[in-house]
Amino acid sequence: MRIQKGDRFQATYSKQSYVIVGKWGGNLVLAPTAKDNDECLIYSVGEIEELVNTLKWVREAGCEQ
C-alpha cells in the first residue's frame, strides 16, 4: 500500500478522520481533521496497513491506493 503526505483515513469505530502530515523517526504522523480534536497519532506504515486490512480504518476517497 502506498501511503503519502495528505492521505486521509477514517477510523470506523469512532468516525474520526485523520490526515498524514509528515514523518517522525521513520513513522507517520496523522493529525485529526476535526477542530475539536488536537491529539495526533503516530503509526508505522505496517501498523496503518494492518488497521486498513482489518477494516478498523478506511482510506477516504480521493487518496491513491
Protein backbone atom coordinates (compact mmCIF):
# COMPACT_ATOMS: atom_id res chain seq x y z
CA MET A 1 0.00 0.00 0.00
CA ARG A 2 1.34 3.40 -0.96
CA ILE A 3 0.86 5.97 1.79
CA GLN A 4 1.92 9.59 1.38
CA LYS A 5 1.53 13.01 2.94
CA GLY A 6 -2.04 14.26 2.51
CA ASP A 7 -3.68 10.81 2.51
CA ARG A 8 -6.78 10.65 4.70
CA PHE A 9 -8.10 7.78 6.78
CA GLN A 10 -11.24 7.36 8.87
CA ALA A 11 -11.43 5.20 11.99
CA THR A 12 -14.52 3.02 11.53
CA TYR A 13 -15.06 2.66 15.29
CA SER A 14 -15.11 6.41 16.05
CA LYS A 15 -15.77 8.03 12.64
CA GLN A 16 -12.80 10.35 13.32
CA SER A 17 -10.79 11.34 10.23
CA TYR A 18 -7.03 11.79 10.15
CA VAL A 19 -4.60 13.10 7.54
CA ILE A 20 -0.95 12.13 7.10
CA VAL A 21 1.02 15.32 7.87
CA GLY A 22 4.59 14.03 7.91
CA LYS A 23 7.08 11.66 9.47
CA TRP A 24 8.73 11.37 12.85
CA GLY A 25 11.54 8.89 13.48
CA GLY A 26 10.55 6.79 10.46
CA ASN A 27 6.89 6.62 11.48
CA LEU A 28 3.94 8.51 10.01
CA VAL A 29 2.24 11.34 11.91
CA LEU A 30 -1.52 11.69 11.49
CA ALA A 31 -3.40 14.82 12.52
CA PRO A 32 -7.14 14.84 13.20
CA THR A 33 -9.33 16.82 10.80
CA ALA A 34 -11.91 17.72 13.46
CA LYS A 35 -11.37 21.15 15.00
CA ASP A 36 -12.26 19.86 18.49
CA ASN A 37 -9.59 17.12 18.45
CA ASP A 38 -5.93 18.09 18.83
CA GLU A 39 -4.44 14.64 19.54
CA CYS A 40 -2.09 13.46 16.78
CA LEU A 41 -1.33 9.80 16.13
CA ILE A 42 1.99 8.15 15.24
CA TYR A 43 1.99 4.79 13.43
CA SER A 44 4.38 2.79 11.27
CA VAL A 45 3.38 2.02 7.68
CA GLY A 46 2.86 -1.62 8.71
CA GLU A 47 0.50 -0.64 11.52
CA ILE A 48 -1.58 1.53 9.19
CA GLU A 49 -1.73 -1.29 6.64
CA GLU A 50 -2.95 -3.67 9.37
CA LEU A 51 -5.65 -1.21 10.50
CA VAL A 52 -6.88 -0.89 6.90
CA ASN A 53 -6.71 -4.64 6.24
CA THR A 54 -8.74 -5.40 9.38
CA LEU A 55 -11.26 -2.67 8.42
CA LYS A 56 -10.62 -0.66 11.58
CA TRP A 57 -9.64 2.21 9.28
CA VAL A 58 -10.73 3.05 5.74
CA ARG A 59 -8.92 5.21 3.25
CA GLU A 60 -11.02 8.21 2.32
CA ALA A 61 -12.00 8.81 -1.32
CA GLY A 62 -9.53 10.65 -3.48
CA CYS A 63 -6.40 9.03 -1.99
CA GLU A 64 -4.29 6.72 -4.14
CA GLN A 65 -4.43 3.01 -3.44
